[in-house]
Amino acid sequence: MAETSKSPFVVVANRLPVDRDTGDDAAQWRASPGGLVTALEPVLRQHDGIWVGWPGSALDDYGQFEVDGLKLLPIELSSDEIENYYEGMSNGTLWPLYHDVVAKPAFHREWWDAYEQVNRRFAEAAAHSAAPDAVVWVHDYQLQLVPAMLRELRPDMRIGFFLHIPFPPTELFKQLPWRNQILEGLLGADLVGFQRPGGAANFARLVRLRLGHKNHRDRIVLDNGREVCARAYPISIDFASLEKLARTPGVRQRADEIRAELGGTRKIFLGVDRLDYTKGIRQRLRAFGELIVDGLIDVDDAVFVQVASPSRERVQQYVEVRHDIERWVGRINGDLGRIGRQPIHYLHSSYPREEMAALFQAADVMVVTPFADGMNLVAKEYVTCRYGNDGALVLSEFAGAADELKQAFLVNPHDINGMREAMLAAMRADPHDLSRRMRAMRKQVRENDIDSWAKNFLSDLAGRELASA
């Protein structure tokens, strides 16, 4: 392995926090948008840290490099490993299994073999990059074996792991042929973080039932006496930065333009999702269409804008969900639309933060209806952009955000009638009631932002609270 500098703080994630821009003759790197990068960048800079991850494409040189002062160590993945470790085991097995088997997971031994192999490579790179007694923070479902591999290589380190997606209940997790290996991999950490308390409880219960380790509240005691803590740390967003962007004249002007383009006085319903079968997109569009069919909403009075950013387009399940949603949009618009008055505007594209902030400001009702979601930061982004304390949020009770944004119009996305009622109630709600709800939700997000999330996790990992919990 090429020589790298040693750091007291190492982040390990599937992707590096930068994207490669090949528009010019020479490839350039730019920081990726996203809350995780925002949260960890100051910590990396403060501790002269290093981020270990896959660059997203092949490189000529896999040595350590810097972008705007951030130290980055790229991990090489072959095309077979991308297919088996990432598209296969991570997104064909673990993703659907951890999301309540909304789609059927596949179990292939060659996928697992690649998963082990790639996790070992990440662990070795992190161990090689870490200074003595370093803190290492491993992220997400693609790298669940890394903590135990790291502890084997470097028992001197303090190791944390955070799962950004839901952790499944016992009955579902037991389907996984490599269930014990995953649990043992996570137990290599000192602190295992989850989005919701239920995820931490599921993990502790599985460890007790499958591996026989005793646990008391959020502590798991291993056979060698070492303790592992499993707790919930609900992730958030950079509230101050996004609110500042939403208040800029350019974003406010664009929001006005969007409203004018969609019909001025029409109520705007908005969905913003990565194109994924877990998001409940078709169900919400069906509910909206039925409201029009039943005469409860008129196309002159309301419109639904659905942004579905491209996702994992080489995976067959995602190709199928795209075709399914596009058929539904075409059917609803064909049956219910009129010239100049489409019920649904469907946008299969990604947009910059400025455009998204303008959409959040323009929308009267935000509809977030996943069947299962670790958190769903879009709900928090919408709330943040509503600095006028107006607007309504229709939110699935199966999103982690529902634990915090209790003033939203909470729905069961499997219940089409219930969604219809919630969407109609949100559209017709009294402005004073909406203002009360939005003020409370904005206070929650403001006081529990991405910076608080990172600080809480890292302070616990450092042992400041673990010893007295």
Protein backbone atom coordinates (compact mmCIF):
# COMPACT_ATOMS: atom_id res chain seq x y z
CA MET A 1 0.00 0.00 0.00
CA ALA A 2 1.29 3.47 -0.88
CA GLU A 3 2.61 5.52 2.02
CA THR A 4 0.04 7.80 3.66
CA SER A 5 0.22 10.26 6.50
CA LYS A 6 -1.07 9.06 9.87
CA SER A 7 -4.10 10.79 11.32
CA PRO A 8 -5.72 10.82 14.78
CA PHE A 9 -9.19 10.90 13.15
CA VAL A 10 -10.30 8.71 10.24
CA VAL A 11 -13.66 8.60 8.50
CA VAL A 12 -14.47 5.43 6.53
CA ALA A 13 -17.41 5.57 4.11
CA ASN A 14 -18.32 3.89 0.86
CA ARG A 15 -17.80 7.13 -1.09
CA LEU A 16 -15.29 9.91 -0.79
CA PRO A 17 -16.77 13.33 0.03
CA VAL A 18 -15.82 14.66 -3.42
CA ASP A 19 -17.07 14.18 -6.97
CA ARG A 20 -14.89 14.09 -10.03
CA ASP A 21 -15.65 16.80 -12.61
CA THR A 22 -14.28 15.79 -15.99
CA GLY A 23 -15.74 18.71 -17.93
CA ASP A 24 -12.35 20.30 -18.50
CA ASP A 25 -9.35 18.71 -20.13
CA ALA A 26 -7.94 17.88 -16.71
CA ALA A 27 -10.19 16.17 -14.19
CA GLN A 28 -11.01 18.29 -11.14
CA TRP A 29 -12.52 17.41 -7.79
CA ARG A 30 -15.33 19.28 -6.05
CA ALA A 31 -16.94 18.74 -2.65
CA SER A 32 -20.06 16.59 -2.75
CA PRO A 33 -23.31 18.11 -1.52
CA GLY A 34 -24.74 16.43 1.54
CA GLY A 35 -25.10 16.68 5.29
CA LEU A 36 -22.47 14.10 6.20
CA VAL A 37 -19.73 16.05 4.44
CA THR A 38 -20.95 19.27 6.05
CA ALA A 39 -20.93 17.71 9.51
CA LEU A 40 -17.55 16.01 9.35
CA GLU A 41 -15.51 18.53 7.36
CA PRO A 42 -14.79 20.79 10.38
CA VAL A 43 -13.83 17.75 12.48
CA LEU A 44 -11.50 16.51 9.75
CA ARG A 45 -9.84 19.90 9.49
CA GLN A 46 -9.56 20.36 13.26
CA HIS A 47 -7.88 16.97 13.77
CA ASP A 48 -5.94 16.83 10.51
CA GLY A 49 -8.13 13.84 9.66
CA ILE A 50 -8.37 11.65 6.60
CA TRP A 51 -11.40 10.27 4.73
CA VAL A 52 -11.20 6.76 3.25
CA GLY A 53 -13.65 5.91 0.45
CA TRP A 54 -14.29 4.86 -3.12
CA PRO A 55 -13.88 7.74 -5.60
CA GLY A 56 -16.79 6.60 -7.80
CA SER A 57 -14.68 5.86 -10.88
CA ALA A 58 -11.30 4.41 -11.79
CA LEU A 59 -8.17 6.47 -11.04
CA ASP A 60 -4.65 6.30 -12.40
CA ASP A 61 -3.22 6.84 -8.91
CA TYR A 62 -4.78 5.55 -5.69
CA GLY A 63 -2.40 7.38 -3.40
CA GLN A 64 -3.56 9.89 -0.80
CA PHE A 65 -4.48 13.32 -2.17
CA GLU A 66 -6.01 16.58 -0.95
CA VAL A 67 -8.97 18.68 -2.08
CA ASP A 68 -9.29 22.12 -0.45
CA GLY A 69 -7.11 20.95 2.42
CA LEU A 70 -9.07 17.72 3.07
CA LYS A 71 -6.95 14.57 3.09
CA LEU A 72 -8.52 11.77 1.06
CA LEU A 73 -7.52 8.16 0.51
CA PRO A 74 -9.27 6.49 -2.46
CA ILE A 75 -10.09 2.78 -2.44
CA GLU A 76 -9.92 0.89 -5.72
CA LEU A 77 -12.88 -1.25 -6.79
CA SER A 78 -12.87 -3.43 -9.89
CA SER A 79 -15.91 -3.62 -12.16
CA ASP A 80 -16.68 -7.08 -10.73
CA GLU A 81 -16.50 -5.72 -7.18
CA ILE A 82 -18.81 -2.84 -8.05
CA GLU A 83 -21.27 -5.37 -9.45
CA ASN A 84 -21.04 -7.85 -6.58
CA TYR A 85 -20.18 -5.79 -3.49
CA TYR A 86 -22.06 -2.57 -4.28
CA GLU A 87 -24.87 -3.35 -6.71
CA GLY A 88 -25.21 -6.90 -5.42
CA MET A 89 -24.67 -7.43 -1.70
CA SER A 90 -25.14 -3.81 -0.61
CA ASN A 91 -28.10 -2.84 -2.78
CA GLY A 92 -29.57 -6.18 -3.89
CA THR A 93 -29.41 -7.88 -0.48
CA LEU A 94 -28.94 -5.50 2.45
CA TRP A 95 -30.89 -2.48 1.19
CA PRO A 96 -34.21 -4.31 0.61
CA LEU A 97 -33.76 -6.51 3.70
CA TYR A 98 -33.15 -3.50 5.94
CA HIS A 99 -36.11 -1.65 4.41
CA ASP A 100 -38.72 -4.15 5.56
CA VAL A 101 -38.39 -6.30 2.42
CA VAL A 102 -40.36 -3.79 0.33
CA ALA A 103 -38.59 -5.60 -2.53
CA LYS A 104 -37.39 -9.18 -2.21
CA PRO A 105 -33.69 -9.41 -1.33
CA ALA A 106 -31.41 -11.80 -3.21
CA PHE A 107 -28.82 -13.95 -1.46
CA HIS A 108 -25.79 -14.91 -3.56
CA ARG A 109 -22.58 -16.32 -2.13
CA GLU A 110 -20.39 -14.54 -4.67
CA TRP A 111 -21.92 -11.23 -3.56
CA TRP A 112 -21.02 -12.02 0.05
CA ASP A 113 -17.48 -13.03 -0.90
CA ALA A 114 -16.98 -9.66 -2.65
CA TYR A 115 -18.50 -7.83 0.34
CA GLU A 116 -15.99 -9.46 2.70
CA GLN A 117 -13.11 -8.76 0.34
CA VAL A 118 -13.96 -5.08 -0.13
CA ASN A 119 -14.66 -4.53 3.58
CA ARG A 120 -11.21 -5.99 4.31
CA ARG A 121 -9.62 -3.53 1.89
CA PHE A 122 -11.36 -0.56 3.56
CA ALA A 123 -10.32 -1.79 7.01
CA GLU A 124 -6.69 -2.22 6.00
CA ALA A 125 -6.58 1.25 4.47
CA ALA A 126 -8.08 2.80 7.60
CA ALA A 127 -5.70 0.89 9.88
CA HIS A 128 -2.75 1.99 7.76
CA SER A 129 -3.88 5.64 7.88
CA ALA A 130 -4.63 5.89 11.58
CA ALA A 131 -2.21 7.24 14.17
CA PRO A 132 -1.80 5.42 17.50
CA ASP A 133 -4.98 5.58 19.62
CA ALA A 134 -6.87 7.19 16.73
CA VAL A 135 -10.64 7.60 16.52
CA VAL A 136 -12.18 5.90 13.47
CA TRP A 137 -15.78 6.52 12.40
CA VAL A 138 -17.20 3.96 9.97
CA HIS A 139 -20.41 4.69 8.07
CA ASP A 140 -23.32 2.70 6.74
CA TYR A 141 -24.54 -0.66 5.52
CA GLN A 142 -21.88 -1.19 2.85
CA LEU A 143 -19.15 -1.49 5.52
CA GLN A 144 -20.63 -3.45 8.43
CA LEU A 145 -17.69 -5.86 8.67
CA VAL A 146 -15.10 -3.10 8.93
CA PRO A 147 -15.33 -2.46 12.72
CA ALA A 148 -14.34 -6.04 13.69
CA MET A 149 -11.66 -6.16 11.00
CA LEU A 150 -10.26 -2.87 12.29
CA ARG A 151 -10.23 -4.08 15.88
CA GLU A 152 -8.32 -7.17 14.81
CA LEU A 153 -5.75 -5.03 12.99
CA ARG A 154 -5.57 -2.13 15.45
CA PRO A 155 -6.98 -2.85 18.92
CA ASP A 156 -5.56 0.47 20.16
CA MET A 157 -8.16 2.51 18.28
CA ARG A 158 -11.53 3.88 19.36
CA ILE A 159 -14.04 2.69 16.74
CA GLY A 160 -17.50 4.05 16.02
CA PHE A 161 -20.08 2.90 13.48
CA PHE A 162 -23.21 4.69 12.29
CA LEU A 163 -25.99 3.08 10.23
CA HIS A 164 -27.79 5.64 8.08
CA ILE A 165 -30.66 3.31 7.07
CA PRO A 166 -33.13 1.37 9.26
CA PHE A 167 -31.97 -1.72 11.12
CA PRO A 168 -34.51 -4.53 10.64
CA PRO A 169 -36.41 -6.53 13.26
CA THR A 170 -35.32 -10.02 14.24
CA GLU A 171 -37.76 -11.84 11.97
CA LEU A 172 -36.40 -10.14 8.85
CA PHE A 173 -32.72 -10.05 9.77
CA LYS A 174 -32.74 -13.81 10.39
CA GLN A 175 -33.30 -14.35 6.66
CA LEU A 176 -29.72 -13.22 5.99
CA PRO A 177 -27.43 -16.25 5.56
CA TRP A 178 -24.52 -14.21 6.97
CA ARG A 179 -26.45 -12.77 9.91
CA ASN A 180 -23.92 -13.73 12.59
CA GLN A 181 -21.00 -12.36 10.59
CA ILE A 182 -22.75 -8.97 10.25
CA LEU A 183 -23.51 -8.82 13.97
CA GLU A 184 -19.94 -9.77 14.87
CA GLY A 185 -18.65 -7.19 12.42
CA LEU A 186 -20.63 -4.41 14.07
CA LEU A 187 -19.59 -5.54 17.55
CA GLY A 188 -16.04 -4.60 16.65
CA ALA A 189 -17.08 -1.00 17.33
CA ASP A 190 -17.13 0.66 20.72
CA LEU A 191 -20.26 2.60 19.80
CA VAL A 192 -22.87 1.55 17.22
CA GLY A 193 -25.26 4.35 16.26
CA PHE A 194 -28.72 4.03 14.72
CA GLN A 195 -31.28 6.54 13.47
CA ARG A 196 -34.08 5.38 15.77
CA PRO A 197 -34.23 3.73 19.22
CA GLY A 198 -36.02 0.76 17.65
CA GLY A 199 -32.99 0.03 15.48
CA ALA A 200 -30.69 -0.01 18.50
CA ALA A 201 -33.13 -2.29 20.36
CA ASN A 202 -33.37 -4.65 17.36
CA PHE A 203 -29.59 -4.91 17.23
CA ALA A 204 -29.20 -5.57 20.97
CA ARG A 205 -31.93 -8.23 20.85
CA LEU A 206 -30.35 -9.99 17.88
CA VAL A 207 -26.94 -9.99 19.53
CA ARG A 208 -28.45 -11.58 22.62
CA LEU A 209 -30.47 -14.18 20.72
CA ARG A 210 -27.95 -15.05 18.01
CA LEU A 211 -24.61 -14.65 19.79
CA GLY A 212 -25.58 -15.01 23.45
CA HIS A 213 -24.10 -11.69 24.63
CA LYS A 214 -25.84 -10.13 27.61
CA ASN A 215 -27.04 -6.57 27.41
CA HIS A 216 -28.32 -4.03 29.90
CA ARG A 217 -30.25 -1.15 28.38
CA ASP A 218 -27.94 0.19 25.66
CA ARG A 219 -24.82 -1.74 26.68
CA ILE A 220 -23.75 -5.10 25.30
CA VAL A 221 -21.17 -7.11 27.26
CA LEU A 222 -18.96 -9.39 25.17
CA ASP A 223 -17.38 -12.60 26.38
CA ASN A 224 -14.00 -10.89 26.86
CA GLY A 225 -15.60 -8.24 29.08
CA ARG A 226 -15.45 -5.44 26.50
CA GLU A 227 -18.61 -3.32 26.32
CA VAL A 228 -20.29 -2.10 23.14
CA CYS A 229 -22.86 0.65 23.32
CA ALA A 230 -25.84 0.73 20.90
CA ARG A 231 -27.77 4.00 20.79
CA ALA A 232 -29.94 6.19 18.59
CA TYR A 233 -28.47 9.36 17.10
CA PRO A 234 -31.06 10.88 14.73
CA ILE A 235 -29.17 12.60 11.92
CA SER A 236 -30.09 16.10 10.80
CA ILE A 237 -29.13 18.88 8.40
CA ASP A 238 -27.20 22.16 8.39
CA PHE A 239 -30.18 24.29 9.39
CA ALA A 240 -28.40 27.66 9.45
CA SER A 241 -26.81 27.23 6.03
CA LEU A 242 -29.99 26.08 4.29
CA GLU A 243 -32.18 28.74 5.89
CA LYS A 244 -29.69 31.40 4.82
CA LEU A 245 -29.84 30.09 1.25
CA ALA A 246 -33.66 30.03 1.32
CA ARG A 247 -33.75 33.70 2.35
CA THR A 248 -31.60 34.92 -0.55
CA PRO A 249 -33.35 37.14 -3.14
CA GLY A 250 -32.45 34.76 -5.97
CA VAL A 251 -34.14 31.78 -4.30
CA ARG A 252 -37.22 33.82 -3.34
CA GLN A 253 -37.53 35.10 -6.89
CA ARG A 254 -37.21 31.60 -8.31
CA ALA A 255 -39.91 30.37 -5.92
CA ASP A 256 -42.25 33.06 -7.25
CA GLU A 257 -41.42 32.03 -10.81
CA ILE A 258 -42.21 28.39 -10.06
CA ARG A 259 -45.58 29.33 -8.60
CA ALA A 260 -46.38 31.46 -11.66
CA GLU A 261 -45.32 28.68 -14.05
CA LEU A 262 -47.59 26.20 -12.29
CA GLY A 263 -50.65 28.40 -12.32
CA GLY A 264 -50.29 31.12 -9.72
CA THR A 265 -53.12 30.37 -7.31
CA ARG A 266 -52.98 26.57 -7.55
CA LYS A 267 -51.98 24.71 -4.41
CA ILE A 268 -48.65 22.97 -5.02
CA PHE A 269 -48.01 19.49 -3.63
CA LEU A 270 -44.35 18.46 -3.77
CA GLY A 271 -42.50 15.15 -3.55
CA VAL A 272 -38.69 15.02 -3.64
CA ASP A 273 -37.03 11.62 -3.55
CA ARG A 274 -34.24 9.52 -4.85
CA LEU A 275 -35.93 7.15 -7.31
CA ASP A 276 -36.33 4.11 -5.08
CA TYR A 277 -38.99 1.49 -4.42
CA THR A 278 -38.91 2.29 -0.69
CA LYS A 279 -40.13 5.87 -1.14
CA GLY A 280 -43.83 5.21 -1.79
CA ILE A 281 -43.91 7.52 -4.82
CA ARG A 282 -46.55 5.62 -6.80
CA GLN A 283 -48.85 5.39 -3.78
CA ARG A 284 -48.83 9.14 -3.14
CA LEU A 285 -49.46 9.90 -6.82
CA ARG A 286 -52.32 7.41 -6.84
CA ALA A 287 -53.84 9.09 -3.77
CA PHE A 288 -53.59 12.50 -5.44
CA GLY A 289 -55.15 11.17 -8.65
CA GLU A 290 -58.06 9.66 -6.73
CA LEU A 291 -58.75 13.01 -5.04
CA ILE A 292 -59.18 14.51 -8.49
CA VAL A 293 -61.33 11.61 -9.78
CA ASP A 294 -63.63 11.92 -6.74
CA GLY A 295 -64.01 15.67 -7.24
CA LEU A 296 -62.33 16.60 -3.96
CA ILE A 297 -59.53 18.43 -5.81
CA ASP A 298 -59.73 20.09 -9.21
CA VAL A 299 -56.79 20.35 -11.60
CA ASP A 300 -57.43 24.10 -11.70
CA ASP A 301 -56.91 24.27 -7.95
CA ALA A 302 -53.94 21.95 -7.29
CA VAL A 303 -50.91 20.36 -8.95
CA PHE A 304 -48.41 17.72 -7.82
CA VAL A 305 -44.71 18.18 -8.61
CA GLN A 306 -42.66 15.00 -8.17
CA VAL A 307 -38.87 15.23 -8.37
CA ALA A 308 -37.30 11.77 -8.63
CA SER A 309 -33.53 11.96 -8.88
CA PRO A 310 -31.83 9.12 -10.79
CA SER A 311 -30.54 6.28 -8.64
CA ARG A 312 -28.69 2.98 -9.20
CA GLU A 313 -29.80 2.87 -12.81
CA ARG A 314 -27.83 -0.31 -13.54
CA VAL A 315 -29.85 -2.28 -10.96
CA GLN A 316 -32.88 -3.97 -12.56
CA GLN A 317 -35.23 -3.28 -9.63
CA TYR A 318 -34.62 0.45 -10.06
CA VAL A 319 -35.22 0.28 -13.80
CA GLU A 320 -38.55 -1.40 -13.09
CA VAL A 321 -39.65 1.13 -10.45
CA ARG A 322 -38.87 3.99 -12.83
CA HIS A 323 -41.00 2.45 -15.58
CA ASP A 324 -43.81 1.76 -13.09
CA ILE A 325 -43.91 5.37 -11.84
CA GLU A 326 -43.72 6.80 -15.36
CA ARG A 327 -46.68 4.62 -16.40
CA TRP A 328 -48.72 5.93 -13.46
CA VAL A 329 -47.85 9.55 -14.23
CA GLY A 330 -48.78 9.07 -17.87
CA ARG A 331 -52.06 7.40 -16.96
CA ILE A 332 -53.11 10.11 -14.48
CA ASN A 333 -52.11 12.97 -16.76
CA GLY A 334 -53.73 11.32 -19.76
CA ASP A 335 -57.00 10.60 -17.96
CA LEU A 336 -57.32 13.75 -15.86
CA GLY A 337 -55.24 16.47 -17.48
CA ARG A 338 -56.31 19.28 -19.74
CA ILE A 339 -54.34 21.53 -22.10
CA GLY A 340 -52.16 23.71 -19.88
CA ARG A 341 -53.35 21.90 -16.75
CA GLN A 342 -51.44 18.69 -16.02
CA PRO A 343 -52.23 17.20 -12.61
CA ILE A 344 -48.66 15.91 -12.18
CA HIS A 345 -45.32 17.36 -13.21
CA TYR A 346 -42.80 14.53 -13.05
CA LEU A 347 -39.10 15.46 -13.12
CA HIS A 348 -36.60 12.61 -13.38
CA SER A 349 -33.50 14.68 -12.69
CA SER A 350 -31.24 16.09 -10.01
CA TYR A 351 -31.22 19.80 -9.22
CA PRO A 352 -28.82 22.16 -7.41
CA ARG A 353 -29.50 23.27 -3.84
CA GLU A 354 -30.76 26.68 -4.97
CA GLU A 355 -33.48 25.15 -7.15
CA MET A 356 -34.50 22.72 -4.41
CA ALA A 357 -34.75 25.53 -1.86
CA ALA A 358 -36.98 27.44 -4.28
CA LEU A 359 -39.20 24.37 -4.78
CA PHE A 360 -39.50 23.93 -1.01
CA GLN A 361 -40.57 27.57 -0.71
CA ALA A 362 -43.04 27.33 -3.57
CA ALA A 363 -44.77 24.17 -2.29
CA ASP A 364 -47.84 24.47 -0.09
CA VAL A 365 -47.78 20.79 0.90
CA MET A 366 -44.69 18.58 1.10
CA VAL A 367 -45.50 14.87 0.77
CA VAL A 368 -42.90 12.45 2.21
CA THR A 369 -44.29 8.92 2.29
CA PRO A 370 -41.58 6.22 2.41
CA PHE A 371 -42.47 2.68 3.42
CA ALA A 372 -39.28 2.63 5.49
CA ASP A 373 -36.59 5.27 5.94
CA GLY A 374 -33.76 5.71 8.40
CA MET A 375 -34.47 9.43 8.69
CA ASN A 376 -35.49 11.26 5.46
CA LEU A 377 -33.70 14.58 5.48
CA VAL A 378 -35.95 16.03 2.77
CA ALA A 379 -38.65 16.49 5.40
CA LYS A 380 -36.23 18.51 7.52
CA GLU A 381 -35.05 20.50 4.50
CA TYR A 382 -38.62 21.52 3.69
CA VAL A 383 -39.23 22.64 7.26
CA THR A 384 -35.99 24.62 7.27
CA CYS A 385 -36.91 26.51 4.10
CA ARG A 386 -40.32 27.56 5.49
CA TYR A 387 -38.95 30.53 7.43
CA GLY A 388 -42.37 32.22 7.14
CA ASN A 389 -43.79 29.43 9.34
CA ASP A 390 -46.25 28.37 6.67
CA GLY A 391 -46.68 25.24 4.57
CA ALA A 392 -47.73 21.73 5.54
CA LEU A 393 -45.78 18.47 5.82
CA VAL A 394 -47.44 15.10 5.14
CA LEU A 395 -45.02 12.55 6.58
CA SER A 396 -44.87 8.77 6.77
CA GLU A 397 -44.84 7.41 10.29
CA PHE A 398 -42.23 4.91 9.04
CA ALA A 399 -39.63 7.63 8.42
CA GLY A 400 -37.21 8.36 11.24
CA ALA A 401 -38.12 12.04 10.94
CA ALA A 402 -41.60 11.22 12.26
CA ASP A 403 -40.10 10.71 15.73
CA GLU A 404 -39.04 14.36 15.78
CA LEU A 405 -41.49 16.16 13.49
CA LYS A 406 -44.57 15.14 15.43
CA GLN A 407 -46.58 18.15 14.23
CA ALA A 408 -46.59 16.87 10.65
CA PHE A 409 -49.68 15.22 9.17
CA LEU A 410 -48.53 11.66 9.89
CA VAL A 411 -49.70 8.87 7.57
CA ASN A 412 -49.38 5.15 6.91
CA PRO A 413 -48.19 5.01 3.27
CA HIS A 414 -49.79 1.60 2.82
CA ASP A 415 -53.19 3.21 3.52
CA ILE A 416 -54.24 5.04 0.34
CA ASN A 417 -57.45 6.35 1.93
CA GLY A 418 -55.50 7.63 4.91
CA MET A 419 -53.05 9.40 2.61
CA ARG A 420 -55.91 10.98 0.70
CA GLU A 421 -57.41 12.31 3.93
CA ALA A 422 -54.06 13.66 5.17
CA MET A 423 -53.24 15.37 1.87
CA LEU A 424 -56.68 16.98 1.76
CA ALA A 425 -56.45 18.04 5.42
CA ALA A 426 -53.02 19.58 4.83
CA MET A 427 -54.30 21.48 1.80
CA ARG A 428 -57.36 22.82 3.64
CA ALA A 429 -55.81 23.41 7.09
CA ASP A 430 -56.32 26.66 8.91
CA PRO A 431 -53.27 28.96 8.44
CA HIS A 432 -52.98 29.49 12.20
CA ASP A 433 -52.84 25.72 12.76
CA LEU A 434 -50.20 25.35 10.03
CA SER A 435 -48.14 28.16 11.58
CA ARG A 436 -48.27 26.49 15.00
CA ARG A 437 -47.17 23.18 13.55
CA MET A 438 -44.37 24.67 11.45
CA ARG A 439 -42.95 26.76 14.31
CA ALA A 440 -42.62 23.66 16.47
CA MET A 441 -41.01 21.62 13.69
CA ARG A 442 -38.56 24.38 12.80
CA LYS A 443 -37.55 24.72 16.45
CA GLN A 444 -36.85 20.99 16.60
CA VAL A 445 -34.63 21.02 13.49
CA ARG A 446 -32.86 24.25 14.49
CA GLU A 447 -31.95 22.93 17.93
CA ASN A 448 -30.93 19.48 16.70
CA ASP A 449 -28.87 20.18 13.60
CA ILE A 450 -26.14 18.18 11.87
CA ASP A 451 -23.43 19.73 14.03
CA SER A 452 -25.18 18.58 17.21
CA TRP A 453 -25.52 15.08 15.77
CA ALA A 454 -21.81 14.77 15.00
CA LYS A 455 -20.73 16.27 18.33
CA ASN A 456 -23.03 14.00 20.34
CA PHE A 457 -21.81 10.86 18.60
CA LEU A 458 -18.12 11.73 18.77
CA SER A 459 -18.24 12.86 22.40
CA ASP A 460 -19.89 9.56 23.36
CA LEU A 461 -17.35 7.65 21.27
CA ALA A 462 -14.53 9.46 23.05
CA GLY A 463 -15.90 8.04 26.30
CA ARG A 464 -17.07 11.24 27.94
CA GLU A 465 -20.53 9.85 28.47
CA LEU A 466 -20.10 6.11 28.03
CA ALA A 467 -18.47 5.75 31.42
CA SER A 468 -21.36 7.45 33.27
CA ALA A 469 -24.34 6.20 31.22
